[in-house]
Amino acid sequence: MTRPAFEDLPLRKGDPPFSAWSLYGPDDQLGTLNILTPDVVTAAAKEITTGVRIGLDAPVDYLARPPHDRKPLTHTVIHKAPRAVHDDLLDFNTQISSQWDGFRHFGYQSLGLFYNGAKVSQLSGPEATANLGMHGITTFIHSGIVGRGVLLDYLHWSDSQGQTYDKLGDHAITVEELKSVAESQGVTFQKGDILLIRTGFHAGYEALSAGDKISWSHQHPIRHVGVETSRSMAKWLWDSQFSACTSDAPAFEAIPKRSTGIDDLFLHEILLSGWGMPIGEMWNLEQLSRHCHQTKRYTFFLTSMPLHVVGAVGSPSNAVAIF
């Protein structure tokens, strides 16, 4: 399949800006994960040479208090007395730690439409029970999210350049900077790569006191470091043919957004609902960063298996990098 040029988006007249609806068929539910063909995954497996494994999930209760009024983790250990047996009961919002955003998460806000034209009423509310399989995170579990991961360590590069920025503010990372990071690391992208960006959020958050972590959760307006929301960023992500993109930041793109050239849209709208590209957020990339710099290797085999919950909006990432 020949991939359309970014300039040719949307593919059909009347579809939302920059969308690629129908590229993989009108009923497709995998989006850019379609790029992860057996050949692409087989090639990615060649990254495994040492057997070193690094988990990429932060604790589910990583944030002292989740922002956006999201429910924190409640963990109950149940003793099945009188036997020496225990069960777990977990209650949490899938958005509060390392996770994948599925295609139900964030639609085109002005249109109320999700990937391939799905409506809000089809995904939540009385009609939704007939559409539990539509764009739920379980569409990913049949093959998992598996391919070559590529780390762009923006924080390390920025430090090497003598640049400083607020890791817990709304610093926006540009395309030009990401290209410079890739060049400094000797990284060349391949079709189907899973992009991981270390923005420095985790490092900034860990430097806070317990009290300051609570204060951070109550900040208004909410500010998050991330990539810039721009036409050039959207074009670069599309042209690079990434199958998915992730970062250690809470929202991937910088918040509040300062859209340039993309009709005041969020990148979330374009990636999730326009292209069907999963977005990973708040991944723990600290140990991965250290290993990459020690070995001078920034590519690896990445495997992730979301929760098998029919109709789920998102899921913990359950991700592992293998070298």
Protein backbone atom coordinates (compact mmCIF):
# COMPACT_ATOMS: atom_id res chain seq x y z
CA MET A 1 0.00 0.00 0.00
CA THR A 2 1.34 3.42 -0.98
CA ARG A 3 1.07 5.79 1.97
CA PRO A 4 -0.59 9.09 1.01
CA ALA A 5 1.40 12.27 1.47
CA PHE A 6 0.60 14.42 4.49
CA GLU A 7 -0.46 17.15 2.08
CA ASP A 8 -3.18 14.82 0.75
CA LEU A 9 -4.95 14.62 4.11
CA PRO A 10 -7.84 14.35 4.65
CA LEU A 11 -8.27 11.51 2.19
CA ARG A 12 -11.95 12.21 1.54
CA LYS A 13 -13.82 15.45 1.04
CA GLY A 14 -15.81 16.36 4.13
CA ASP A 15 -13.70 14.33 6.56
CA PRO A 16 -12.05 16.10 9.52
CA PRO A 17 -8.80 18.00 8.99
CA PHE A 18 -5.68 15.84 8.51
CA SER A 19 -7.63 12.60 8.94
CA ALA A 20 -6.77 9.37 7.14
CA TRP A 21 -10.15 7.70 7.43
CA SER A 22 -10.67 4.71 5.11
CA LEU A 23 -6.92 4.27 4.49
CA TYR A 24 -7.17 0.74 5.90
CA GLY A 25 -10.86 0.32 5.14
CA PRO A 26 -14.06 1.84 6.57
CA ASP A 27 -14.29 -0.67 9.41
CA ASP A 28 -10.63 -0.62 10.43
CA GLN A 29 -9.88 -0.49 14.16
CA LEU A 30 -6.08 -0.73 14.18
CA GLY A 31 -5.06 2.50 12.45
CA THR A 32 -1.29 2.92 12.26
CA LEU A 33 -0.79 -0.41 14.04
CA ASN A 34 -1.51 -1.90 10.61
CA ILE A 35 2.07 -0.90 9.78
CA LEU A 36 3.31 -3.57 12.20
CA THR A 37 3.24 -6.38 9.66
CA PRO A 38 4.97 -9.73 10.32
CA ASP A 39 7.93 -8.55 8.23
CA VAL A 40 8.26 -5.34 10.26
CA VAL A 41 8.07 -7.22 13.57
CA THR A 42 10.52 -9.89 12.38
CA ALA A 43 13.01 -7.17 11.48
CA ALA A 44 12.45 -5.53 14.88
CA ALA A 45 13.24 -8.81 16.64
CA LYS A 46 16.82 -8.49 15.39
CA GLU A 47 17.25 -5.79 18.04
CA ILE A 48 17.41 -8.55 20.66
CA THR A 49 21.10 -9.34 21.11
CA THR A 50 21.85 -9.28 24.86
CA GLY A 51 18.59 -10.32 26.51
CA VAL A 52 18.49 -7.26 28.79
CA ARG A 53 14.88 -6.38 29.67
CA ILE A 54 13.68 -3.06 31.04
CA GLY A 55 10.13 -2.44 32.24
CA LEU A 56 8.63 0.87 31.17
CA ASP A 57 5.66 1.18 33.54
CA ALA A 58 5.55 3.56 36.49
CA PRO A 59 3.59 2.41 39.57
CA VAL A 60 -0.16 2.70 39.06
CA ASP A 61 -0.23 5.06 42.05
CA TYR A 62 2.80 7.01 40.79
CA LEU A 63 1.14 10.44 41.02
CA ALA A 64 0.51 11.59 44.57
CA ARG A 65 -2.85 12.88 43.39
CA PRO A 66 -3.99 12.44 39.78
CA PRO A 67 -4.92 15.69 38.01
CA HIS A 68 -8.13 16.28 36.02
CA ASP A 69 -10.21 14.99 38.98
CA ARG A 70 -9.34 11.39 38.14
CA LYS A 71 -9.87 8.68 40.70
CA PRO A 72 -6.66 7.46 42.35
CA LEU A 73 -5.81 3.80 42.85
CA THR A 74 -7.64 1.88 45.54
CA HIS A 75 -5.95 -1.44 46.29
CA THR A 76 -7.58 -3.90 48.66
CA VAL A 77 -5.95 -7.18 49.65
CA ILE A 78 -8.62 -9.74 50.51
CA HIS A 79 -7.74 -12.59 52.87
CA LYS A 80 -9.82 -15.63 51.96
CA ALA A 81 -10.03 -16.81 55.57
CA PRO A 82 -9.62 -19.33 57.03
CA ARG A 83 -7.36 -20.40 54.14
CA ALA A 84 -3.88 -19.00 53.53
CA VAL A 85 -5.09 -17.36 50.32
CA HIS A 86 -5.26 -13.74 49.16
CA ASP A 87 -6.98 -11.93 46.30
CA ASP A 88 -6.60 -8.38 45.00
CA LEU A 89 -9.28 -5.81 44.32
CA LEU A 90 -8.09 -2.89 42.16
CA ASP A 91 -10.09 0.23 41.35
CA PHE A 92 -8.38 2.94 39.29
CA ASN A 93 -8.63 5.25 36.30
CA THR A 94 -6.50 3.98 33.41
CA GLN A 95 -5.26 7.54 32.77
CA ILE A 96 -3.41 8.00 36.08
CA SER A 97 -0.08 6.36 35.22
CA SER A 98 1.82 4.72 32.34
CA GLN A 99 -0.87 3.96 29.79
CA TRP A 100 -2.10 3.80 26.24
CA ASP A 101 -4.81 6.08 24.94
CA GLY A 102 -7.11 4.06 22.71
CA PHE A 103 -9.24 5.45 19.91
CA ARG A 104 -12.26 6.02 22.19
CA HIS A 105 -10.35 8.49 24.35
CA PHE A 106 -10.20 11.83 22.52
CA GLY A 107 -12.27 12.67 19.46
CA TYR A 108 -12.46 15.68 17.18
CA GLN A 109 -13.87 18.10 19.74
CA SER A 110 -15.86 20.35 17.44
CA LEU A 111 -17.41 17.40 15.60
CA GLY A 112 -17.85 14.80 18.32
CA LEU A 113 -16.33 12.19 16.01
CA PHE A 114 -13.72 9.52 16.60
CA TYR A 115 -11.59 7.33 14.31
CA ASN A 116 -13.30 6.41 11.04
CA GLY A 117 -16.34 8.49 11.96
CA ALA A 118 -17.49 6.81 15.17
CA LYS A 119 -19.88 8.99 17.19
CA VAL A 120 -19.95 9.71 20.92
CA SER A 121 -23.34 7.99 21.16
CA GLN A 122 -21.84 4.80 19.73
CA LEU A 123 -19.08 4.68 22.33
CA SER A 124 -20.85 5.78 25.51
CA GLY A 125 -24.44 5.98 26.68
CA PRO A 126 -27.50 3.77 26.02
CA GLU A 127 -26.53 2.82 22.45
CA ALA A 128 -22.96 1.90 23.33
CA THR A 129 -23.71 -1.61 24.60
CA ALA A 130 -24.23 -2.69 21.00
CA ASN A 131 -20.83 -1.30 20.04
CA LEU A 132 -18.53 -2.50 22.81
CA GLY A 133 -16.10 -3.89 20.27
CA MET A 134 -15.83 -0.61 18.36
CA HIS A 135 -12.44 1.07 18.88
CA GLY A 136 -12.01 -0.42 22.34
CA ILE A 137 -8.48 -1.05 23.57
CA THR A 138 -9.09 -4.79 23.10
CA THR A 139 -8.68 -4.34 19.35
CA PHE A 140 -4.95 -4.11 20.16
CA ILE A 141 -4.70 -7.32 22.20
CA HIS A 142 -5.01 -9.81 19.36
CA SER A 143 -1.45 -9.08 18.26
CA GLY A 144 -0.27 -6.72 20.99
CA ILE A 145 1.75 -3.61 20.25
CA VAL A 146 5.08 -5.11 19.26
CA GLY A 147 7.89 -3.64 17.16
CA ARG A 148 11.10 -1.64 17.19
CA GLY A 149 11.15 1.02 19.88
CA VAL A 150 13.22 4.18 19.45
CA LEU A 151 14.10 6.46 22.36
CA LEU A 152 14.66 10.15 21.74
CA ASP A 153 16.16 11.42 24.99
CA TYR A 154 15.27 15.10 24.78
CA LEU A 155 16.24 15.79 28.39
CA HIS A 156 19.75 14.36 27.95
CA TRP A 157 20.23 16.23 24.66
CA SER A 158 18.96 19.49 26.16
CA ASP A 159 21.37 19.16 29.08
CA SER A 160 24.24 18.51 26.67
CA GLN A 161 23.36 21.74 24.85
CA GLY A 162 23.36 23.75 28.07
CA GLN A 163 19.65 24.43 27.71
CA THR A 164 17.31 24.65 30.68
CA TYR A 165 13.53 24.48 30.76
CA ASP A 166 10.73 23.84 33.23
CA LYS A 167 10.19 20.06 33.18
CA LEU A 168 6.86 20.55 34.94
CA GLY A 169 5.78 23.53 32.84
CA ASP A 170 4.37 23.90 29.35
CA HIS A 171 7.68 23.73 27.48
CA ALA A 172 7.00 22.76 23.85
CA ILE A 173 9.56 20.54 22.07
CA THR A 174 9.97 21.37 18.39
CA VAL A 175 10.41 19.11 15.39
CA GLU A 176 13.83 20.62 14.76
CA GLU A 177 14.90 19.70 18.29
CA LEU A 178 13.69 16.11 17.94
CA LYS A 179 15.58 15.80 14.67
CA SER A 180 18.70 17.09 16.42
CA VAL A 181 18.22 14.56 19.23
CA ALA A 182 17.94 11.75 16.68
CA GLU A 183 21.06 12.94 14.86
CA SER A 184 23.07 13.21 18.08
CA GLN A 185 22.11 9.65 18.97
CA GLY A 186 22.83 8.30 15.50
CA VAL A 187 19.21 7.21 15.09
CA THR A 188 17.68 6.54 11.69
CA PHE A 189 13.96 5.82 11.72
CA GLN A 190 12.37 2.81 10.08
CA LYS A 191 8.81 2.17 8.97
CA GLY A 192 6.68 1.07 11.91
CA ASP A 193 8.94 2.37 14.68
CA ILE A 194 7.34 2.99 18.08
CA LEU A 195 8.52 6.43 19.18
CA LEU A 196 9.42 7.10 22.83
CA ILE A 197 10.31 10.67 23.88
CA ARG A 198 11.89 11.40 27.25
CA THR A 199 10.71 14.94 27.97
CA GLY A 200 12.07 15.06 31.52
CA PHE A 201 8.69 15.05 33.26
CA HIS A 202 9.53 12.07 35.46
CA ALA A 203 12.84 13.61 36.49
CA GLY A 204 11.13 16.89 37.34
CA TYR A 205 8.32 15.24 39.27
CA GLU A 206 10.68 13.04 41.30
CA ALA A 207 12.61 16.14 42.39
CA LEU A 208 9.51 17.53 44.13
CA SER A 209 8.80 17.17 47.83
CA ALA A 210 5.72 15.22 48.89
CA GLY A 211 3.84 18.46 49.49
CA ASP A 212 4.88 19.96 46.18
CA LYS A 213 3.65 16.85 44.37
CA ILE A 214 0.19 17.49 45.82
CA SER A 215 0.40 21.16 44.85
CA TRP A 216 1.41 20.22 41.30
CA SER A 217 -1.76 18.16 40.96
CA HIS A 218 -3.87 21.19 41.91
CA GLN A 219 -2.22 23.68 39.55
CA HIS A 220 -4.49 25.83 37.40
CA PRO A 221 -4.25 26.12 34.54
CA ILE A 222 -2.74 22.67 34.09
CA ARG A 223 0.66 22.79 32.39
CA HIS A 224 2.54 19.85 30.91
CA VAL A 225 5.78 19.60 28.96
CA GLY A 226 5.46 17.87 25.59
CA VAL A 227 5.89 18.17 21.86
CA GLU A 228 4.66 21.27 20.10
CA THR A 229 1.18 21.26 18.58
CA SER A 230 1.97 22.30 15.04
CA ARG A 231 1.54 21.38 11.41
CA SER A 232 5.24 20.57 11.17
CA MET A 233 5.01 18.16 14.13
CA ALA A 234 1.97 16.41 12.68
CA LYS A 235 3.69 16.15 9.30
CA TRP A 236 6.88 14.74 10.84
CA LEU A 237 4.97 12.11 12.81
CA TRP A 238 3.05 11.10 9.68
CA ASP A 239 6.01 11.13 7.31
CA SER A 240 8.13 9.09 9.74
CA GLN A 241 5.51 6.30 9.59
CA PHE A 242 5.55 5.64 13.32
CA SER A 243 3.11 2.93 14.39
CA ALA A 244 2.62 4.53 17.82
CA CYS A 245 4.10 7.36 19.88
CA THR A 246 4.74 7.67 23.59
CA SER A 247 6.49 9.85 26.13
CA ASP A 248 7.04 10.21 29.86
CA ALA A 249 4.77 13.28 29.95
CA PRO A 250 1.11 13.30 31.02
CA ALA A 251 -0.29 14.44 27.67
CA PHE A 252 2.35 13.83 24.92
CA GLU A 253 1.82 17.34 23.51
CA ALA A 254 2.56 20.44 25.59
CA ILE A 255 -0.42 21.77 27.56
CA PRO A 256 -1.89 24.38 27.21
CA LYS A 257 -1.58 23.89 23.47
CA ARG A 258 -0.44 26.65 21.19
CA SER A 259 -1.63 25.33 17.85
CA THR A 260 0.11 26.56 14.72
CA GLY A 261 -1.11 25.61 11.29
CA ILE A 262 -3.52 22.82 12.27
CA ASP A 263 -6.83 24.64 12.70
CA ASP A 264 -6.54 24.99 16.50
CA LEU A 265 -6.65 21.21 16.91
CA PHE A 266 -4.99 19.11 19.58
CA LEU A 267 -2.49 16.53 18.35
CA HIS A 268 -4.66 14.05 20.26
CA GLU A 269 -7.47 14.73 17.80
CA ILE A 270 -5.30 14.11 14.75
CA LEU A 271 -3.33 11.13 16.06
CA LEU A 272 -6.05 9.19 17.86
CA SER A 273 -9.14 10.07 15.85
CA GLY A 274 -7.61 11.13 12.55
CA TRP A 275 -5.03 8.41 12.00
CA GLY A 276 -5.77 5.80 14.63
CA MET A 277 -2.32 6.17 16.21
CA PRO A 278 -2.12 5.00 19.84
CA ILE A 279 -0.59 7.52 22.25
CA GLY A 280 1.37 6.38 25.29
CA GLU A 281 1.69 8.71 28.26
CA MET A 282 3.63 8.84 31.52
CA TRP A 283 5.88 5.93 30.61
CA ASN A 284 8.83 5.48 32.95
CA LEU A 285 11.84 5.99 30.69
CA GLU A 286 14.47 6.65 33.37
CA GLN A 287 16.14 3.22 33.51
CA LEU A 288 15.79 2.91 29.75
CA SER A 289 17.58 6.22 29.31
CA ARG A 290 20.48 5.14 31.51
CA HIS A 291 20.89 1.86 29.66
CA CYS A 292 20.70 3.49 26.25
CA HIS A 293 23.42 5.98 27.10
CA GLN A 294 25.63 3.33 28.70
CA THR A 295 25.41 1.09 25.64
CA LYS A 296 25.02 3.82 23.00
CA ARG A 297 21.98 1.94 21.72
CA TYR A 298 18.71 3.81 21.37
CA THR A 299 16.70 1.18 19.50
CA PHE A 300 15.31 -2.02 20.99
CA PHE A 301 12.53 -4.56 20.70
CA LEU A 302 9.38 -3.29 22.42
CA THR A 303 6.43 -5.37 23.49
CA SER A 304 3.21 -4.18 25.11
CA MET A 305 -0.04 -5.98 25.91
CA PRO A 306 -3.03 -3.85 26.95
CA LEU A 307 -5.71 -5.15 29.32
CA HIS A 308 -8.33 -7.40 27.78
CA VAL A 309 -11.37 -5.38 28.82
CA VAL A 310 -13.98 -5.16 26.08
CA GLY A 311 -14.91 -1.57 25.31
CA ALA A 312 -12.11 -0.10 27.43
CA VAL A 313 -10.95 3.42 26.56
CA GLY A 314 -7.35 2.97 27.69
CA SER A 315 -5.05 0.58 29.47
CA PRO A 316 -1.86 0.40 31.50
CA SER A 317 0.95 0.03 28.99
CA ASN A 318 2.45 -3.21 30.33
CA ALA A 319 5.50 -2.42 28.21
CA VAL A 320 8.98 -3.94 28.16
CA ALA A 321 12.06 -2.93 26.17
CA ILE A 322 14.32 -5.85 25.21
CA PHE A 323 17.91 -5.40 24.01
